[in-house]
Amino acid sequence: MITVNPAEIPVPQLHQYLLGAVGPRPICFASTIDTEGRPNLAPFSFFNVFSAHPPVLVFAPNNSGRDGTPKHTWLNVQEVPEVVVNIVNFVMVQQMNVSAAPWDRGVSEFEKAGFTPMPSDLVKPLRVAESPVQMECRVIDTKVLGQGGGAGNLVIAEVIRMHIHESVLNEEGKIDPRKMDLVARMGGAWYCHATPESMFQLPQPMQKVIGWDALPEKVKNSSVLSANDIGKMATLAEWPHEELIAGTKALHSDTDPEHAAAELIANGKVAEALGLFL
């Protein structure tokens, strides 16, 4: 393992390490406008949601790594502190990439990338009709993190109106991640595509769980069970009861416990797997 001191390596190299390590990153497709009414549209992957009450998004249109100039998005929010954050899905990712080219300020990326502009309800910037979710925001704060190429500029924005295509909702009216068809940024020129095949669910531990440290040593030191197998045992809310333990051991009395446990976990029987070691 190498150890890196950020102060001792060139910014481009540090940038590659950071973006290669922190990913996938969601994409903020930010629509802004200047005081002359000229629209701008640009993607940023330093982005996430940070609060639900109030609803707050934060993204960073950092200075150009090539020449240190500020992004047009950053200049626009200083003039008109409003933004529409459009979510990017797979069917629009190539068009989005066109908008990321270094167009002159005042040139409409809506036109250059072929997106359909829509008027917003509460803010001046336009929405992207092709986006499955569009969030109208009021900029509540900005913060300069540094100077020169690659320096960060934070935009903190409160969501004051959301627009959601019905096509991405499930029967309960919730956004279905399998229908969103999202893309995200990785390091370099790499992206990832959140298809149903690439997604999985984990039960959320909303209460105290057993924990890794409390598991039997034979489980923690197993050469057969994977870290994820053991993690599933550690997230059980309670220990297996005696009847389950006895029944499971009787069924697998002629099998090595570690291999039997791995098979049980693969079939969703985590408590039974742990019971083999108790």
Protein backbone atom coordinates (compact mmCIF):
# COMPACT_ATOMS: atom_id res chain seq x y z
CA MET A 1 0.00 0.00 0.00
CA ILE A 2 1.34 3.43 -0.93
CA THR A 3 0.93 6.46 1.32
CA VAL A 4 0.23 9.85 -0.27
CA ASN A 5 0.80 13.31 1.16
CA PRO A 6 -1.50 15.62 -0.85
CA ALA A 7 0.86 18.54 -0.32
CA GLU A 8 3.74 16.72 -1.99
CA ILE A 9 2.25 15.56 -5.31
CA PRO A 10 1.05 17.51 -8.37
CA VAL A 11 -2.61 18.53 -8.36
CA PRO A 12 -3.46 16.47 -11.50
CA GLN A 13 -2.12 13.33 -9.84
CA LEU A 14 -4.00 14.06 -6.61
CA HIS A 15 -7.14 14.77 -8.64
CA GLN A 16 -6.85 11.35 -10.30
CA TYR A 17 -6.40 9.61 -6.95
CA LEU A 18 -9.38 11.39 -5.41
CA LEU A 19 -11.77 10.81 -8.28
CA GLY A 20 -10.58 7.27 -8.79
CA ALA A 21 -11.17 6.47 -5.13
CA VAL A 22 -14.42 8.32 -4.47
CA GLY A 23 -17.06 6.92 -6.77
CA PRO A 24 -19.50 6.35 -8.20
CA ARG A 25 -20.53 9.98 -7.83
CA PRO A 26 -24.03 11.21 -8.73
CA ILE A 27 -24.25 13.88 -11.41
CA CYS A 28 -25.68 17.33 -10.84
CA PHE A 29 -26.82 18.63 -14.25
CA ALA A 30 -27.04 22.28 -13.25
CA SER A 31 -29.11 24.80 -15.17
CA THR A 32 -28.33 28.44 -14.36
CA ILE A 33 -28.86 31.85 -15.93
CA ASP A 34 -26.95 35.13 -15.97
CA THR A 35 -28.29 38.67 -15.57
CA GLU A 36 -28.64 38.96 -19.34
CA GLY A 37 -31.01 36.00 -19.37
CA ARG A 38 -28.55 33.64 -21.09
CA PRO A 39 -29.01 29.99 -20.00
CA ASN A 40 -26.17 27.66 -19.06
CA LEU A 41 -26.22 23.90 -18.57
CA ALA A 42 -23.30 21.91 -17.14
CA PRO A 43 -22.67 18.60 -15.30
CA PHE A 44 -20.82 18.32 -11.98
CA SER A 45 -20.03 15.13 -10.09
CA PHE A 46 -18.97 16.77 -6.83
CA PHE A 47 -22.59 16.62 -5.72
CA ASN A 48 -25.01 15.14 -3.22
CA VAL A 49 -28.06 15.73 -1.02
CA PHE A 50 -27.18 16.80 2.53
CA SER A 51 -30.47 17.52 4.28
CA ALA A 52 -34.15 16.70 4.00
CA HIS A 53 -35.43 19.28 6.48
CA PRO A 54 -34.85 21.71 4.90
CA PRO A 55 -34.12 19.94 1.60
CA VAL A 56 -30.57 20.96 0.66
CA LEU A 57 -28.30 19.98 -2.22
CA VAL A 58 -24.60 20.83 -2.43
CA PHE A 59 -22.48 20.76 -5.56
CA ALA A 60 -19.09 22.17 -6.55
CA PRO A 61 -18.39 23.84 -9.89
CA ASN A 62 -14.65 23.82 -9.33
CA ASN A 63 -12.18 26.01 -11.18
CA SER A 64 -10.85 24.62 -14.44
CA GLY A 65 -7.88 22.34 -13.89
CA ARG A 66 -6.44 23.52 -17.20
CA ASP A 67 -6.27 27.27 -16.66
CA GLY A 68 -7.83 27.96 -13.25
CA THR A 69 -10.78 29.92 -14.63
CA PRO A 70 -14.12 29.71 -12.80
CA LYS A 71 -16.97 27.73 -14.37
CA HIS A 72 -19.83 29.66 -15.95
CA THR A 73 -22.19 27.98 -13.49
CA TRP A 74 -20.26 29.52 -10.60
CA LEU A 75 -20.31 32.97 -12.19
CA ASN A 76 -24.04 32.67 -12.88
CA VAL A 77 -25.08 31.75 -9.35
CA GLN A 78 -23.19 34.81 -8.10
CA GLU A 79 -25.37 36.95 -10.37
CA VAL A 80 -28.66 35.03 -10.12
CA PRO A 81 -28.64 32.80 -7.00
CA GLU A 82 -30.93 30.14 -8.41
CA VAL A 83 -30.33 26.76 -10.03
CA VAL A 84 -32.25 23.79 -11.37
CA VAL A 85 -30.59 20.46 -10.60
CA ASN A 86 -31.57 17.93 -13.25
CA ILE A 87 -30.87 14.24 -12.65
CA VAL A 88 -29.06 12.39 -15.46
CA ASN A 89 -30.15 8.95 -16.66
CA PHE A 90 -28.59 6.66 -19.26
CA VAL A 91 -30.65 7.76 -22.26
CA MET A 92 -29.39 11.35 -21.95
CA VAL A 93 -25.77 10.77 -20.93
CA GLN A 94 -24.25 11.27 -24.39
CA GLN A 95 -26.09 14.56 -24.82
CA MET A 96 -24.96 15.59 -21.35
CA ASN A 97 -21.38 14.93 -22.43
CA VAL A 98 -21.78 17.43 -25.29
CA SER A 99 -22.78 20.11 -22.80
CA ALA A 100 -19.54 19.52 -20.85
CA ALA A 101 -17.43 20.89 -23.73
CA PRO A 102 -15.78 24.29 -23.06
CA TRP A 103 -18.40 26.45 -24.77
CA ASP A 104 -18.03 30.23 -24.56
CA ARG A 105 -20.02 32.00 -21.89
CA GLY A 106 -23.43 32.93 -23.22
CA VAL A 107 -23.66 29.94 -25.57
CA SER A 108 -26.72 27.81 -24.76
CA GLU A 109 -25.80 24.23 -23.95
CA PHE A 110 -29.48 23.41 -24.31
CA GLU A 111 -29.09 24.10 -28.02
CA LYS A 112 -25.61 22.62 -28.41
CA ALA A 113 -26.58 19.35 -26.70
CA GLY A 114 -30.11 19.16 -28.09
CA PHE A 115 -31.99 19.30 -24.80
CA THR A 116 -35.52 20.62 -24.47
CA PRO A 117 -35.78 23.68 -22.18
CA MET A 118 -38.82 23.97 -19.92
CA PRO A 119 -39.82 26.99 -17.83
CA SER A 120 -39.54 26.54 -14.09
CA ASP A 121 -42.31 27.41 -11.64
CA LEU A 122 -40.37 29.39 -9.03
CA VAL A 123 -36.90 30.15 -10.41
CA LYS A 124 -35.49 31.74 -13.55
CA PRO A 125 -33.20 28.91 -14.80
CA LEU A 126 -34.79 26.44 -17.22
CA ARG A 127 -35.49 22.78 -16.59
CA VAL A 128 -34.30 19.89 -18.78
CA ALA A 129 -37.42 18.15 -20.06
CA GLU A 130 -35.54 14.90 -20.69
CA SER A 131 -34.46 14.57 -17.05
CA PRO A 132 -36.56 12.18 -14.91
CA VAL A 133 -36.27 14.44 -11.84
CA GLN A 134 -35.82 18.21 -11.86
CA MET A 135 -35.29 20.22 -8.69
CA GLU A 136 -35.77 23.97 -8.60
CA CYS A 137 -33.43 25.48 -6.02
CA ARG A 138 -32.64 28.75 -4.34
CA VAL A 139 -28.95 29.23 -3.58
CA ILE A 140 -28.65 29.89 0.15
CA ASP A 141 -24.86 30.05 0.44
CA THR A 142 -21.63 29.73 -1.53
CA LYS A 143 -18.11 29.08 -0.32
CA VAL A 144 -14.73 29.40 -2.01
CA LEU A 145 -12.40 26.59 -0.88
CA GLY A 146 -9.21 27.62 -2.66
CA GLN A 147 -7.56 29.43 -5.54
CA GLY A 148 -6.27 28.28 -8.91
CA GLY A 149 -6.85 25.17 -10.97
CA GLY A 150 -8.95 22.47 -9.32
CA ALA A 151 -9.93 24.70 -6.40
CA GLY A 152 -13.41 24.03 -5.06
CA ASN A 153 -16.40 26.35 -5.04
CA LEU A 154 -19.36 25.08 -3.04
CA VAL A 155 -22.94 25.93 -3.97
CA ILE A 156 -25.44 25.19 -1.19
CA ALA A 157 -28.96 25.21 -2.56
CA GLU A 158 -32.38 24.64 -1.01
CA VAL A 159 -34.90 22.67 -3.05
CA ILE A 160 -38.12 24.68 -3.31
CA ARG A 161 -39.91 22.64 -5.99
CA MET A 162 -39.47 19.13 -7.43
CA HIS A 163 -40.74 17.70 -10.70
CA ILE A 164 -40.78 13.90 -11.03
CA HIS A 165 -41.78 11.88 -14.10
CA GLU A 166 -44.48 9.37 -13.22
CA SER A 167 -42.56 6.74 -15.21
CA VAL A 168 -39.95 6.40 -12.44
CA LEU A 169 -42.48 5.87 -9.62
CA ASN A 170 -43.58 2.54 -8.20
CA GLU A 171 -47.11 1.57 -7.18
CA GLU A 172 -46.62 3.26 -3.81
CA GLY A 173 -45.70 6.57 -5.44
CA LYS A 174 -42.03 6.25 -4.41
CA ILE A 175 -39.09 6.63 -6.78
CA ASP A 176 -38.04 3.17 -7.95
CA PRO A 177 -34.23 3.03 -8.42
CA ARG A 178 -34.72 0.28 -11.01
CA LYS A 179 -36.73 2.70 -13.16
CA MET A 180 -34.42 5.70 -12.75
CA ASP A 181 -31.75 4.17 -15.03
CA LEU A 182 -29.13 6.41 -13.42
CA VAL A 183 -25.52 6.96 -14.43
CA ALA A 184 -22.67 8.12 -12.22
CA ARG A 185 -19.08 9.30 -12.59
CA MET A 186 -16.03 7.24 -11.80
CA GLY A 187 -12.38 8.17 -12.25
CA GLY A 188 -11.02 9.52 -15.53
CA ALA A 189 -13.44 9.08 -18.43
CA TRP A 190 -15.26 6.21 -16.72
CA TYR A 191 -18.96 6.16 -15.86
CA CYS A 192 -21.18 3.47 -14.38
CA HIS A 193 -24.76 2.51 -15.20
CA ALA A 194 -27.11 1.58 -12.33
CA THR A 195 -29.02 -1.25 -13.96
CA PRO A 196 -31.28 -3.61 -11.95
CA GLU A 197 -28.61 -6.30 -12.42
CA SER A 198 -25.99 -4.11 -10.74
CA MET A 199 -28.14 -3.14 -7.75
CA PHE A 200 -28.82 -5.03 -4.54
CA GLN A 201 -30.63 -4.43 -1.27
CA LEU A 202 -29.34 -4.59 2.30
CA PRO A 203 -31.63 -4.71 5.32
CA GLN A 204 -31.13 -1.46 7.21
CA PRO A 205 -30.05 -2.04 10.83
CA MET A 206 -32.60 0.22 12.50
CA GLN A 207 -31.94 -1.35 15.88
CA LYS A 208 -28.95 -2.79 17.73
CA VAL A 209 -27.47 -5.88 16.07
CA ILE A 210 -25.16 -8.68 17.21
CA GLY A 211 -22.01 -7.03 15.86
CA TRP A 212 -18.86 -8.55 14.40
CA ASP A 213 -16.94 -8.58 17.67
CA ALA A 214 -19.52 -10.77 19.43
CA LEU A 215 -19.41 -13.56 16.84
CA PRO A 216 -17.65 -16.86 17.68
CA GLU A 217 -13.93 -16.86 16.88
CA LYS A 218 -14.40 -19.76 14.45
CA VAL A 219 -16.73 -17.56 12.42
CA LYS A 220 -14.44 -14.52 12.43
CA ASN A 221 -11.37 -16.62 11.56
CA SER A 222 -13.07 -18.78 8.93
CA SER A 223 -11.14 -19.48 5.71
CA VAL A 224 -14.38 -20.44 3.97
CA LEU A 225 -16.81 -17.69 4.89
CA SER A 226 -16.35 -14.36 3.13
CA ALA A 227 -16.32 -11.00 4.89
CA ASN A 228 -19.81 -10.38 3.48
CA ASP A 229 -20.99 -13.73 4.84
CA ILE A 230 -19.74 -12.82 8.29
CA GLY A 231 -21.16 -9.31 7.95
CA LYS A 232 -24.61 -10.79 7.36
CA MET A 233 -24.31 -12.71 10.62
CA ALA A 234 -23.15 -9.58 12.43
CA THR A 235 -26.25 -7.65 11.30
CA LEU A 236 -28.70 -10.15 12.77
CA ALA A 237 -30.89 -8.42 15.32
CA GLU A 238 -30.84 -11.36 17.72
CA TRP A 239 -29.13 -14.67 18.36
CA PRO A 240 -30.71 -17.83 16.92
CA HIS A 241 -33.00 -19.57 19.39
CA GLU A 242 -32.14 -23.00 20.80
CA GLU A 243 -34.72 -24.88 18.74
CA LEU A 244 -33.37 -23.44 15.50
CA ILE A 245 -29.80 -24.22 16.54
CA ALA A 246 -30.62 -27.83 17.38
CA GLY A 247 -32.60 -28.39 14.20
CA THR A 248 -29.93 -26.89 11.96
CA LYS A 249 -27.11 -28.88 13.57
CA ALA A 250 -29.12 -32.09 13.18
CA LEU A 251 -29.66 -31.45 9.47
CA HIS A 252 -25.99 -30.73 8.85
CA SER A 253 -24.35 -33.13 11.29
CA ASP A 254 -22.35 -34.83 8.52
CA THR A 255 -21.15 -31.59 6.88
CA ASP A 256 -18.29 -29.28 7.75
CA PRO A 257 -19.93 -26.31 9.59
CA GLU A 258 -18.12 -23.65 7.61
CA HIS A 259 -19.13 -25.04 4.20
CA ALA A 260 -22.66 -25.72 5.41
CA ALA A 261 -22.90 -22.18 6.75
CA ALA A 262 -21.74 -20.69 3.45
CA GLU A 263 -24.44 -22.64 1.62
CA LEU A 264 -27.11 -21.61 4.12
CA ILE A 265 -26.15 -17.93 3.81
CA ALA A 266 -26.27 -18.20 0.01
CA ASN A 267 -29.87 -19.36 0.43
CA GLY A 268 -30.79 -16.52 2.79
CA LYS A 269 -30.69 -18.59 5.97
CA VAL A 270 -28.29 -16.46 7.97
CA ALA A 271 -29.59 -17.28 11.45
CA GLU A 272 -29.38 -20.99 10.69
CA ALA A 273 -25.79 -20.52 9.51
CA LEU A 274 -24.80 -18.81 12.72
CA GLY A 275 -26.54 -21.51 14.71
CA LEU A 276 -24.03 -24.08 13.42
CA PHE A 277 -21.30 -22.36 15.48
CA LEU A 278 -23.23 -21.99 18.74
